[in-house]
């Protein structure tokens, strides 16, 4: 499975209109090609919960492996506690905005539904440079807001959103946004 660059982002388009320039798929240049390939490989390994092959990415993932054993890690990846997981949850959501009626399309890396009916949206990120937690959250805040609103509208369930920084470049793994 090779995921196009723009999967994992939400975008809106007006019916019958092309995607706005900032929402079009971006093909990585030579400098970012390595990051693109590693990010795609990590997403695939996480999607398939292929923990033994994570070391083949060449990334330092010791903090992530330790995090998997925490309560948060088990909430996201351990299905033994009446949780339902949906990997690569794709959606189309029709909504009204200030520009008119739009369809928002997106693909969520992991949707976790708990026994009480609440949901967590988890978006995987592979950072190659350090950022503060605040910078990291702000960079993806709008994407996560759209995901939360779409899933809430589609399911009627309470939703929380999280970014999973597998490289711990922000100093921690799991960020609620």
C-alpha atoms as a PDB file:
ATOM      1  CA  UNK A   1       0.000   0.000   0.000  1.00  0.00           C
ATOM      2  CA  UNK A   2       1.389   3.363  -1.001  1.00  0.00           C
ATOM      3  CA  UNK A   3      -0.559   6.284   0.373  1.00  0.00           C
ATOM      4  CA  UNK A   4      -0.662   9.501  -1.657  1.00  0.00           C
ATOM      5  CA  UNK A   5       0.972  12.457   0.095  1.00  0.00           C
ATOM      6  CA  UNK A   6      -2.289  14.209   0.894  1.00  0.00           C
ATOM      7  CA  UNK A   7      -3.902  11.248   2.694  1.00  0.00           C
ATOM      8  CA  UNK A   8      -4.067  11.957   6.393  1.00  0.00           C
ATOM      9  CA  UNK A   9      -5.068  15.568   5.640  1.00  0.00           C
ATOM     10  CA  UNK A  10      -8.617  16.734   5.309  1.00  0.00           C
ATOM     11  CA  UNK A  11      -9.523  18.988   2.460  1.00  0.00           C
ATOM     12  CA  UNK A  12     -12.659  20.681   1.254  1.00  0.00           C
ATOM     13  CA  UNK A  13     -13.807  21.259  -2.273  1.00  0.00           C
ATOM     14  CA  UNK A  14     -16.822  22.981  -3.633  1.00  0.00           C
ATOM     15  CA  UNK A  15     -18.980  20.737  -5.810  1.00  0.00           C
ATOM     16  CA  UNK A  16     -17.793  20.901  -9.415  1.00  0.00           C
ATOM     17  CA  UNK A  17     -14.637  22.877  -8.550  1.00  0.00           C
ATOM     18  CA  UNK A  18     -11.055  21.664  -8.748  1.00  0.00           C
ATOM     19  CA  UNK A  19      -9.056  21.312  -5.569  1.00  0.00           C
ATOM     20  CA  UNK A  20      -7.538  24.596  -4.429  1.00  0.00           C
ATOM     21  CA  UNK A  21      -3.779  24.812  -5.131  1.00  0.00           C
ATOM     22  CA  UNK A  22      -2.797  24.376  -1.471  1.00  0.00           C
ATOM     23  CA  UNK A  23      -4.829  21.134  -1.284  1.00  0.00           C
ATOM     24  CA  UNK A  24      -3.470  19.424  -4.371  1.00  0.00           C
ATOM     25  CA  UNK A  25      -1.258  16.368  -3.907  1.00  0.00           C
ATOM     26  CA  UNK A  26       2.380  17.303  -3.555  1.00  0.00           C
ATOM     27  CA  UNK A  27       5.041  15.082  -5.039  1.00  0.00           C
ATOM     28  CA  UNK A  28       8.138  15.083  -2.853  1.00  0.00           C
ATOM     29  CA  UNK A  29      11.328  16.536  -4.300  1.00  0.00           C
ATOM     30  CA  UNK A  30      14.662  14.717  -4.028  1.00  0.00           C
ATOM     31  CA  UNK A  31      15.452  16.301  -0.647  1.00  0.00           C
ATOM     32  CA  UNK A  32      12.231  15.162   0.984  1.00  0.00           C
ATOM     33  CA  UNK A  33      11.977  11.837  -0.851  1.00  0.00           C
ATOM     34  CA  UNK A  34      13.726   9.958   1.964  1.00  0.00           C
ATOM     35  CA  UNK A  35      11.371  11.494   4.566  1.00  0.00           C
ATOM     36  CA  UNK A  36       8.366  10.671   2.399  1.00  0.00           C
ATOM     37  CA  UNK A  37       9.462   7.042   1.991  1.00  0.00           C
ATOM     38  CA  UNK A  38      10.232   6.570   5.691  1.00  0.00           C
ATOM     39  CA  UNK A  39       6.970   8.262   6.729  1.00  0.00           C
ATOM     40  CA  UNK A  40       4.992   6.035   4.366  1.00  0.00           C
ATOM     41  CA  UNK A  41       6.753   2.918   5.666  1.00  0.00           C
ATOM     42  CA  UNK A  42       6.140   3.871   9.310  1.00  0.00           C
ATOM     43  CA  UNK A  43       2.445   4.523   8.599  1.00  0.00           C
ATOM     44  CA  UNK A  44       2.126   1.101   6.993  1.00  0.00           C
ATOM     45  CA  UNK A  45       3.876  -0.626   9.910  1.00  0.00           C
ATOM     46  CA  UNK A  46       1.635   1.171  12.431  1.00  0.00           C
ATOM     47  CA  UNK A  47      -1.467   0.423  10.395  1.00  0.00           C
ATOM     48  CA  UNK A  48      -0.607  -3.285  10.435  1.00  0.00           C
ATOM     49  CA  UNK A  49       0.775  -3.204  13.998  1.00  0.00           C
ATOM     50  CA  UNK A  50       4.003  -4.720  12.673  1.00  0.00           C
ATOM     51  CA  UNK A  51       6.135  -3.996  15.740  1.00  0.00           C
ATOM     52  CA  UNK A  52       9.007  -6.356  14.873  1.00  0.00           C
ATOM     53  CA  UNK A  53       9.788  -4.498  11.639  1.00  0.00           C
ATOM     54  CA  UNK A  54       9.752  -0.987  13.111  1.00  0.00           C
ATOM     55  CA  UNK A  55      13.518  -1.188  13.585  1.00  0.00           C
ATOM     56  CA  UNK A  56      13.928  -1.449   9.802  1.00  0.00           C
ATOM     57  CA  UNK A  57      12.896   2.195   9.414  1.00  0.00           C
ATOM     58  CA  UNK A  58      16.267   3.429  10.684  1.00  0.00           C
ATOM     59  CA  UNK A  59      14.539   5.732  13.171  1.00  0.00           C
ATOM     60  CA  UNK A  60      15.157   5.818  16.916  1.00  0.00           C
ATOM     61  CA  UNK A  61      11.861   4.492  18.234  1.00  0.00           C
ATOM     62  CA  UNK A  62      12.776   3.328  21.756  1.00  0.00           C
ATOM     63  CA  UNK A  63      10.488   5.926  23.371  1.00  0.00           C
ATOM     64  CA  UNK A  64       7.621   4.852  21.107  1.00  0.00           C
ATOM     65  CA  UNK A  65       8.129   1.165  21.958  1.00  0.00           C
ATOM     66  CA  UNK A  66       8.050   2.042  25.675  1.00  0.00           C
ATOM     67  CA  UNK A  67       4.942   4.172  25.139  1.00  0.00           C
ATOM     68  CA  UNK A  68       3.137   1.155  23.619  1.00  0.00           C
ATOM     69  CA  UNK A  69       3.218  -0.424  27.112  1.00  0.00           C
ATOM     70  CA  UNK A  70       1.601   2.587  28.804  1.00  0.00           C
ATOM     71  CA  UNK A  71      -2.123   3.088  29.381  1.00  0.00           C
ATOM     72  CA  UNK A  72      -2.315   5.495  26.450  1.00  0.00           C
ATOM     73  CA  UNK A  73      -0.453   3.099  24.174  1.00  0.00           C
ATOM     74  CA  UNK A  74      -2.740   0.245  25.125  1.00  0.00           C
ATOM     75  CA  UNK A  75      -5.820   2.424  24.587  1.00  0.00           C
ATOM     76  CA  UNK A  76      -4.678   3.086  21.028  1.00  0.00           C
ATOM     77  CA  UNK A  77      -3.312  -0.324  20.012  1.00  0.00           C
ATOM     78  CA  UNK A  78      -4.518  -3.021  22.464  1.00  0.00           C
ATOM     79  CA  UNK A  79      -7.901  -4.521  21.527  1.00  0.00           C
ATOM     80  CA  UNK A  80      -8.340  -6.577  24.685  1.00  0.00           C
ATOM     81  CA  UNK A  81     -10.471  -4.006  26.512  1.00  0.00           C
ATOM     82  CA  UNK A  82     -13.655  -3.895  24.398  1.00  0.00           C
ATOM     83  CA  UNK A  83     -12.240  -1.375  21.959  1.00  0.00           C
ATOM     84  CA  UNK A  84     -13.003  -1.299  18.289  1.00  0.00           C
ATOM     85  CA  UNK A  85     -10.341  -0.032  15.894  1.00  0.00           C
ATOM     86  CA  UNK A  86     -10.769   1.216  12.381  1.00  0.00           C
ATOM     87  CA  UNK A  87      -7.548   1.610  10.425  1.00  0.00           C
ATOM     88  CA  UNK A  88      -7.374   4.130   7.585  1.00  0.00           C
ATOM     89  CA  UNK A  89     -10.925   5.370   8.172  1.00  0.00           C
ATOM     90  CA  UNK A  90     -11.909   7.196   4.964  1.00  0.00           C
ATOM     91  CA  UNK A  91     -14.864   9.551   4.995  1.00  0.00           C
ATOM     92  CA  UNK A  92     -16.801  12.012   2.876  1.00  0.00           C
ATOM     93  CA  UNK A  93     -18.834  14.510   4.855  1.00  0.00           C
ATOM     94  CA  UNK A  94     -21.249  17.009   3.320  1.00  0.00           C
ATOM     95  CA  UNK A  95     -21.514  20.222   5.292  1.00  0.00           C
ATOM     96  CA  UNK A  96     -22.334  23.898   4.897  1.00  0.00           C
ATOM     97  CA  UNK A  97     -19.634  26.537   5.233  1.00  0.00           C
ATOM     98  CA  UNK A  98     -19.307  30.259   4.565  1.00  0.00           C
ATOM     99  CA  UNK A  99     -18.442  29.404   0.920  1.00  0.00           C
ATOM    100  CA  UNK A 100     -21.487  27.197   0.507  1.00  0.00           C
ATOM    101  CA  UNK A 101     -22.093  23.471   0.582  1.00  0.00           C
ATOM    102  CA  UNK A 102     -18.873  21.443   0.512  1.00  0.00           C
ATOM    103  CA  UNK A 103     -17.782  17.861   0.765  1.00  0.00           C
ATOM    104  CA  UNK A 104     -14.950  17.293   3.182  1.00  0.00           C
ATOM    105  CA  UNK A 105     -12.989  14.146   2.434  1.00  0.00           C
ATOM    106  CA  UNK A 106     -10.349  12.673   4.672  1.00  0.00           C
ATOM    107  CA  UNK A 107      -8.567   9.577   5.793  1.00  0.00           C
ATOM    108  CA  UNK A 108      -7.949   9.068   9.500  1.00  0.00           C
ATOM    109  CA  UNK A 109      -5.009   6.863  10.432  1.00  0.00           C
ATOM    110  CA  UNK A 110      -6.769   5.222  13.377  1.00  0.00           C
ATOM    111  CA  UNK A 111     -10.234   5.603  14.854  1.00  0.00           C
ATOM    112  CA  UNK A 112     -10.680   4.000  18.275  1.00  0.00           C
ATOM    113  CA  UNK A 113     -14.162   3.401  19.666  1.00  0.00           C
ATOM    114  CA  UNK A 114     -14.501   2.644  23.365  1.00  0.00           C
ATOM    115  CA  UNK A 115     -17.189   0.580  25.104  1.00  0.00           C
ATOM    116  CA  UNK A 116     -18.843   3.794  26.372  1.00  0.00           C
ATOM    117  CA  UNK A 117     -19.301   4.940  22.753  1.00  0.00           C
ATOM    118  CA  UNK A 118     -16.675   7.688  22.817  1.00  0.00           C
ATOM    119  CA  UNK A 119     -14.079   7.825  20.057  1.00  0.00           C
ATOM    120  CA  UNK A 120     -10.445   8.798  19.696  1.00  0.00           C
ATOM    121  CA  UNK A 121      -8.985   9.942  16.399  1.00  0.00           C
ATOM    122  CA  UNK A 122      -5.261   9.208  16.185  1.00  0.00           C
ATOM    123  CA  UNK A 123      -3.134  10.686  13.418  1.00  0.00           C
ATOM    124  CA  UNK A 124       0.388   9.297  12.948  1.00  0.00           C
ATOM    125  CA  UNK A 125       3.225  11.753  12.422  1.00  0.00           C
ATOM    126  CA  UNK A 126       6.904  11.132  11.746  1.00  0.00           C
ATOM    127  CA  UNK A 127       8.939  14.223  12.609  1.00  0.00           C
ATOM    128  CA  UNK A 128      12.497  14.602  11.379  1.00  0.00           C
ATOM    129  CA  UNK A 129      13.294  17.780  13.319  1.00  0.00           C
ATOM    130  CA  UNK A 130      12.546  18.881  16.843  1.00  0.00           C
ATOM    131  CA  UNK A 131       9.506  21.044  17.592  1.00  0.00           C
ATOM    132  CA  UNK A 132       7.814  22.159  20.732  1.00  0.00           C
ATOM    133  CA  UNK A 133       4.568  20.429  21.625  1.00  0.00           C
ATOM    134  CA  UNK A 134       2.761  23.706  21.004  1.00  0.00           C
ATOM    135  CA  UNK A 135       4.273  24.167  17.508  1.00  0.00           C
ATOM    136  CA  UNK A 136       3.430  20.573  16.656  1.00  0.00           C
ATOM    137  CA  UNK A 137      -0.180  20.851  17.853  1.00  0.00           C
ATOM    138  CA  UNK A 138      -0.709  24.203  16.130  1.00  0.00           C
ATOM    139  CA  UNK A 139       0.552  22.840  12.808  1.00  0.00           C
ATOM    140  CA  UNK A 140      -2.189  20.177  12.762  1.00  0.00           C
ATOM    141  CA  UNK A 141      -4.936  21.846  14.840  1.00  0.00           C
ATOM    142  CA  UNK A 142      -7.161  22.665  11.839  1.00  0.00           C
ATOM    143  CA  UNK A 143      -6.831  19.168  10.366  1.00  0.00           C
ATOM    144  CA  UNK A 144      -7.783  17.596  13.673  1.00  0.00           C
ATOM    145  CA  UNK A 145     -10.712  20.023  14.134  1.00  0.00           C
ATOM    146  CA  UNK A 146     -12.125  19.000  10.755  1.00  0.00           C
ATOM    147  CA  UNK A 147     -11.632  15.302  11.569  1.00  0.00           C
ATOM    148  CA  UNK A 148     -13.363  15.748  14.950  1.00  0.00           C
ATOM    149  CA  UNK A 149     -16.332  17.625  13.474  1.00  0.00           C
ATOM    150  CA  UNK A 150     -16.727  15.120  10.641  1.00  0.00           C
ATOM    151  CA  UNK A 151     -16.608  12.039  12.888  1.00  0.00           C
ATOM    152  CA  UNK A 152     -18.945  13.663  15.422  1.00  0.00           C
ATOM    153  CA  UNK A 153     -21.423  14.520  12.649  1.00  0.00           C
ATOM    154  CA  UNK A 154     -21.150  11.064  11.082  1.00  0.00           C
ATOM    155  CA  UNK A 155     -21.380   9.043  14.308  1.00  0.00           C
ATOM    156  CA  UNK A 156     -23.097  11.298  16.852  1.00  0.00           C
ATOM    157  CA  UNK A 157     -20.464  10.208  19.382  1.00  0.00           C
ATOM    158  CA  UNK A 158     -18.115  12.292  21.535  1.00  0.00           C
ATOM    159  CA  UNK A 159     -14.685  12.521  19.897  1.00  0.00           C
ATOM    160  CA  UNK A 160     -11.187  13.419  21.114  1.00  0.00           C
ATOM    161  CA  UNK A 161      -8.251  13.950  18.744  1.00  0.00           C
ATOM    162  CA  UNK A 162      -4.600  13.004  19.168  1.00  0.00           C
ATOM    163  CA  UNK A 163      -1.352  13.264  17.267  1.00  0.00           C
ATOM    164  CA  UNK A 164       1.069  10.368  17.635  1.00  0.00           C
ATOM    165  CA  UNK A 165       4.684  11.601  17.289  1.00  0.00           C
ATOM    166  CA  UNK A 166       6.438   8.252  16.792  1.00  0.00           C
ATOM    167  CA  UNK A 167       9.923   9.804  16.890  1.00  0.00           C
ATOM    168  CA  UNK A 168       9.205  11.793  20.083  1.00  0.00           C
ATOM    169  CA  UNK A 169      10.766  14.860  18.407  1.00  0.00           C
ATOM    170  CA  UNK A 170       8.571  17.047  20.608  1.00  0.00           C
ATOM    171  CA  UNK A 171       9.752  15.311  23.768  1.00  0.00           C
ATOM    172  CA  UNK A 172       6.660  13.151  24.080  1.00  0.00           C
ATOM    173  CA  UNK A 173       4.730  10.639  21.977  1.00  0.00           C
ATOM    174  CA  UNK A 174       1.023  11.399  22.419  1.00  0.00           C
ATOM    175  CA  UNK A 175      -0.533  14.882  22.044  1.00  0.00           C
ATOM    176  CA  UNK A 176      -4.178  15.746  22.510  1.00  0.00           C
ATOM    177  CA  UNK A 177      -5.222  18.472  20.074  1.00  0.00           C
END
